[in-house]
Protein backbone atom coordinates (compact mmCIF):
# COMPACT_ATOMS: atom_id res chain seq x y z
CA MET A 1 -120.12 -131.90 -28.81
CA ARG A 2 -118.06 -130.01 -26.23
CA GLN A 3 -117.03 -126.48 -27.06
CA VAL A 4 -114.31 -126.07 -24.41
CA THR A 5 -111.75 -128.25 -22.68
CA LYS A 6 -109.95 -125.68 -20.48
CA GLY A 7 -110.45 -122.37 -18.75
CA SER A 8 -108.98 -120.17 -21.48
CA GLU A 9 -111.36 -121.70 -24.03
CA PHE A 10 -114.25 -121.10 -21.65
CA LEU A 11 -113.34 -117.41 -21.38
CA ASN A 12 -113.05 -117.18 -25.16
CA LEU A 13 -116.53 -118.69 -25.43
CA VAL A 14 -118.09 -116.33 -22.88
CA TYR A 15 -116.13 -113.18 -23.76
CA LYS A 16 -115.79 -113.36 -27.53
CA ASP A 17 -113.97 -110.02 -27.82
CA MET A 18 -111.46 -110.74 -25.04
CA LYS A 19 -108.82 -112.17 -27.37
CA ASP A 20 -108.83 -108.98 -29.45
CA THR A 21 -107.90 -106.80 -26.47
CA ILE A 22 -104.78 -108.81 -25.62
CA LYS A 23 -101.34 -108.00 -26.97
CA SER A 24 -99.77 -111.26 -28.15
CA ASP A 25 -97.86 -112.68 -31.11
CA SER A 26 -100.04 -115.77 -31.06
CA LYS A 27 -103.04 -116.00 -33.38
CA ASP A 28 -104.65 -118.74 -31.33
CA PRO A 29 -107.40 -117.18 -29.13
CA SER A 30 -106.91 -119.66 -26.30
CA LYS A 31 -103.14 -119.15 -26.29
CA ARG A 32 -103.53 -115.35 -26.25
CA ILE A 33 -105.83 -115.60 -23.24
CA GLU A 34 -103.49 -118.04 -21.45
CA GLU A 35 -100.59 -115.60 -21.86
CA TYR A 36 -102.73 -112.79 -20.47
CA LEU A 37 -103.81 -114.90 -17.49
CA GLU A 38 -100.19 -115.76 -16.74
CA ARG A 39 -99.36 -112.05 -16.63
CA LEU A 40 -102.32 -111.39 -14.34
CA GLU A 41 -101.32 -114.18 -12.00
CA ARG A 42 -97.75 -112.87 -11.79
CA ILE A 43 -98.80 -109.25 -11.17
CA HIS A 44 -101.38 -110.10 -8.53
CA GLY A 45 -99.05 -112.61 -6.91
CA GLU A 46 -96.35 -109.95 -6.54
CA SER A 47 -98.89 -107.57 -4.98
CA LEU A 48 -99.38 -109.98 -2.07
CA THR A 49 -95.86 -109.38 -0.78
CA ASP A 50 -95.21 -105.86 -2.06
CA GLU A 51 -97.44 -103.17 -0.56
CA ARG A 52 -96.36 -100.54 -3.09
CA LYS A 53 -97.25 -102.77 -6.03
CA ARG A 54 -100.56 -103.56 -4.37
CA GLU A 55 -101.42 -99.87 -4.04
CA VAL A 56 -100.47 -99.28 -7.68
CA LEU A 57 -102.64 -102.21 -8.74
CA LYS A 58 -105.61 -100.98 -6.74
CA SER A 59 -105.19 -97.47 -8.13
CA TYR A 60 -105.37 -98.94 -11.63
CA TYR A 61 -108.65 -100.70 -10.84
CA TYR A 62 -110.05 -97.61 -9.11
CA ASP A 63 -109.35 -95.50 -12.17
CA LYS A 64 -110.95 -98.06 -14.43
CA TYR A 65 -114.07 -98.99 -12.45
CA ILE A 66 -114.87 -96.29 -9.84
CA ILE A 67 -117.35 -93.54 -10.69
CA LYS A 68 -115.74 -90.21 -11.60
CA LYS A 69 -118.69 -87.86 -12.06
CA LEU A 70 -121.94 -87.55 -10.13
CA PRO A 71 -124.87 -88.10 -12.52
CA GLU A 72 -127.59 -85.45 -12.53
CA SER A 73 -130.24 -88.14 -12.15
CA TYR A 74 -128.73 -89.08 -8.79
CA ILE A 75 -128.89 -85.48 -7.64
CA ARG A 76 -132.53 -85.16 -8.68
CA TYR A 77 -133.86 -88.40 -7.24
CA ARG A 78 -131.66 -88.87 -4.20
CA LYS A 79 -131.94 -85.55 -2.39
CA GLY A 80 -132.47 -87.52 0.81
CA TYR A 81 -128.83 -88.56 0.64
CA CYS A 82 -127.89 -85.01 1.56
CA HIS A 83 -129.61 -85.38 4.93
CA ASP A 84 -127.57 -88.51 5.66
CA LEU A 85 -124.45 -86.45 5.08
CA GLY A 86 -125.63 -83.64 7.34
CA LEU A 87 -126.29 -81.23 4.49
CA VAL A 88 -129.17 -78.79 4.67
CA ASP A 89 -132.02 -79.16 2.20
CA LYS A 90 -131.68 -76.70 -0.64
CA GLU A 91 -133.02 -76.21 -4.13
CA GLU A 92 -129.61 -76.52 -5.75
CA LEU A 93 -126.54 -78.29 -4.45
CA THR A 94 -123.29 -76.38 -4.52
CA ASP A 95 -120.19 -77.79 -6.17
CA GLU A 96 -118.87 -78.45 -2.67
CA ASP A 97 -122.01 -80.44 -1.80
CA LYS A 98 -121.69 -82.51 -4.97
CA ALA A 99 -118.00 -83.15 -4.33
CA LEU A 100 -118.80 -84.37 -0.82
CA ILE A 101 -121.52 -86.73 -2.07
CA LEU A 102 -119.31 -88.02 -4.88
CA GLY A 103 -116.48 -88.57 -2.42
CA CYS A 104 -118.71 -90.71 -0.20
CA ILE A 105 -119.94 -92.76 -3.16
CA ARG A 106 -116.41 -93.29 -4.43
CA HIS A 107 -115.29 -94.36 -0.95
CA GLU A 108 -118.07 -96.97 -0.74
CA GLN A 109 -117.27 -98.27 -4.22
CA LYS A 110 -113.56 -98.52 -3.44
CA GLU A 111 -114.24 -100.43 -0.22
CA SER A 112 -116.56 -102.88 -1.97
CA LEU A 113 -114.13 -103.36 -4.85
CA ASP A 114 -111.31 -103.91 -2.36
CA THR A 115 -113.21 -106.81 -0.80
CA TRP A 116 -113.33 -108.54 -4.18
CA LEU A 117 -109.68 -107.83 -4.96
CA ASP A 118 -108.58 -109.13 -1.56
CA PHE A 119 -110.85 -112.17 -1.75
CA LEU A 120 -109.85 -113.25 -5.26
CA THR A 121 -106.14 -112.47 -4.83
CA GLN A 122 -105.85 -114.43 -1.58
CA GLU A 123 -108.24 -117.29 -2.46
CA GLU A 124 -106.13 -120.26 -3.57
CA THR A 125 -109.02 -122.61 -4.42
CA TYR A 126 -109.90 -120.98 -7.72
CA PRO A 127 -107.72 -120.99 -10.84
CA THR A 128 -106.82 -117.68 -12.46
CA TRP A 129 -109.24 -118.08 -15.35
CA PHE A 130 -112.18 -118.40 -12.94
CA LYS A 131 -111.00 -115.42 -10.88
CA TYR A 132 -110.97 -113.35 -14.07
CA TYR A 133 -114.45 -114.62 -14.93
CA VAL A 134 -115.78 -113.55 -11.53
CA PHE A 135 -114.04 -110.19 -11.32
CA HIS A 136 -114.98 -109.22 -14.86
CA GLY A 137 -118.57 -110.19 -14.10
CA VAL A 138 -118.67 -108.25 -10.82
CA THR A 139 -117.53 -105.07 -12.56
CA LYS A 140 -120.38 -105.39 -15.05
CA VAL A 141 -123.29 -105.71 -12.60
CA GLY A 142 -124.89 -103.00 -10.48
CA VAL A 143 -127.45 -103.78 -7.80
CA TYR A 144 -128.79 -107.25 -6.97
CA TYR A 145 -132.55 -107.28 -6.30
CA SER A 146 -133.44 -110.41 -4.37
CA VAL A 147 -137.19 -109.89 -4.93
CA ILE A 148 -136.87 -110.39 -8.68
CA GLY A 149 -133.59 -112.35 -8.60
CA ASP A 150 -131.78 -110.12 -11.05
CA VAL A 151 -129.10 -107.44 -11.21
CA THR A 152 -128.88 -104.12 -12.96
CA LYS A 153 -126.18 -103.40 -15.49
CA ARG A 154 -123.27 -101.34 -14.18
CA SER A 155 -122.11 -98.31 -16.13
CA SER A 156 -119.64 -95.48 -15.57
CA SER A 157 -122.43 -93.53 -13.83
CA THR A 158 -123.58 -96.29 -11.47
CA THR A 159 -123.58 -94.94 -7.91
CA ALA A 160 -124.13 -98.23 -6.06
CA PRO A 161 -121.23 -100.12 -4.46
CA PHE A 162 -120.17 -103.39 -6.06
CA ILE A 163 -122.17 -106.44 -5.00
CA PRO A 164 -120.87 -107.96 -1.75
CA VAL A 165 -118.65 -111.03 -1.74
CA ASN A 166 -120.76 -114.14 -1.19
CA LYS A 167 -118.38 -117.10 -0.98
CA PRO A 168 -121.07 -119.85 -0.94
CA VAL A 169 -122.46 -118.47 -4.21
CA ILE A 170 -119.01 -118.16 -5.80
CA ASP A 171 -118.11 -121.67 -4.63
CA GLN A 172 -121.22 -123.10 -6.27
CA MET A 173 -120.54 -121.10 -9.42
CA TYR A 174 -117.05 -122.58 -9.54
CA GLN A 175 -118.39 -126.08 -9.04
CA LEU A 176 -120.81 -125.66 -11.93
CA VAL A 177 -118.45 -123.89 -14.34
CA SER A 178 -115.49 -126.20 -13.63
CA LYS A 179 -117.71 -129.24 -14.28
CA TYR A 180 -118.74 -127.68 -17.59
CA VAL A 181 -115.10 -127.09 -18.57
CA ALA A 182 -114.08 -130.61 -17.50
CA GLY A 183 -116.91 -132.13 -19.53
CA GLU A 184 -118.52 -133.71 -16.48
CA GLU A 185 -122.21 -134.55 -16.39
CA LEU A 186 -124.30 -131.66 -15.08
CA THR A 187 -127.30 -132.15 -12.85
CA ASP A 188 -130.75 -131.22 -14.10
CA ASP A 189 -130.64 -128.03 -12.02
CA GLU A 190 -127.20 -127.12 -13.41
CA ARG A 191 -128.33 -127.69 -16.98
CA ASP A 192 -131.34 -125.50 -16.30
CA ILE A 193 -129.00 -122.72 -15.17
CA THR A 194 -126.56 -122.94 -18.08
CA LYS A 195 -129.21 -123.18 -20.81
CA TYR A 196 -129.75 -119.43 -20.44
CA GLY A 197 -126.08 -118.63 -20.94
CA LEU A 198 -122.69 -118.98 -19.28
CA ASN A 199 -122.06 -115.32 -18.47
CA PHE A 200 -121.52 -114.29 -14.85
CA ARG A 201 -124.80 -112.41 -14.53
CA ASN A 202 -126.88 -115.39 -15.59
CA ILE A 203 -125.10 -117.94 -13.40
CA TYR A 204 -124.96 -115.63 -10.37
CA THR A 205 -128.61 -114.58 -10.46
CA ARG A 206 -129.81 -118.18 -10.79
CA ILE A 207 -127.55 -119.67 -8.11
CA GLN A 208 -128.13 -116.90 -5.54
CA PRO A 209 -131.91 -117.55 -5.12
CA SER A 210 -131.42 -121.32 -5.01
CA LEU A 211 -128.99 -121.00 -2.10
CA LEU A 212 -131.39 -118.71 -0.27
CA THR A 213 -134.16 -121.27 -0.74
CA GLN A 214 -131.94 -124.09 0.53
CA SER A 215 -130.98 -122.00 3.57
CA ARG A 216 -134.61 -121.29 4.41
CA LYS A 217 -135.46 -124.99 4.19
CA ARG A 218 -132.60 -125.91 6.54
CA ASN A 219 -133.68 -123.27 9.07
CA ARG A 220 -137.32 -124.40 9.27
C-alpha cells in the first residue's frame, strides 16, 4: 500500500517533524508543507531578479549553516593548515591566527553553499519539494568518503565545505524519488536502494558509487 501520492506527502514521510516547524492554520501535514513550499518558491523566485533580495537570502542561509566558531579539535589536529596559510609554526595560535583560519573555512563553506543555492534556484527540472529535499539533505552531511561510500554527519562545528554539486547523481536521485512518489514500478536496484530508507544521505551514498562504477565500465 502506497504511503505517498505527492511531494509534500513524501517530505512529511521523510521529515516527520517538518510539519511542526511550519506556521500554518491548516492541521493537515501535507497542506502545511505545501503552503511552506509555495512561500519558498516565491522567495527564491524573486531572488533571481532582485540582487538585494538574493543577498539577504544568502545571508540568512550563511547565518544558519556556516560555522561560527573554530573547534579546538580542529586546532589540535590540523596544525598543518597554518602552514598553508603562511603562518609560522607555534605552540599556541593567537586569536588573530584563529580568526584568519576561521575566515578561510567560512569562505570555503560559503562558496560551496552558494553553488547549491545557485544550482537549485536556477534548475527548472526539479519541483520545489525535491529541491527542498536535496538542500535540506546537503546541509546535514559533512564529508563524502568514496572509499567507504558514506558521509559524515554535519554539525555546527563541521569545518569541511559542503559536498560539491554532482548533477548526474542528483538527476538519478530525482528519477528514483519521483518514481516512488508517482507509484511507478521501481527496478531491483532502486528497490535495493530505498529499502534502507528514503532520506537524502541513504539515497545519495548508494547512488554515488553506482554511477562511479558505471563510468569506469564505460571508460574501459
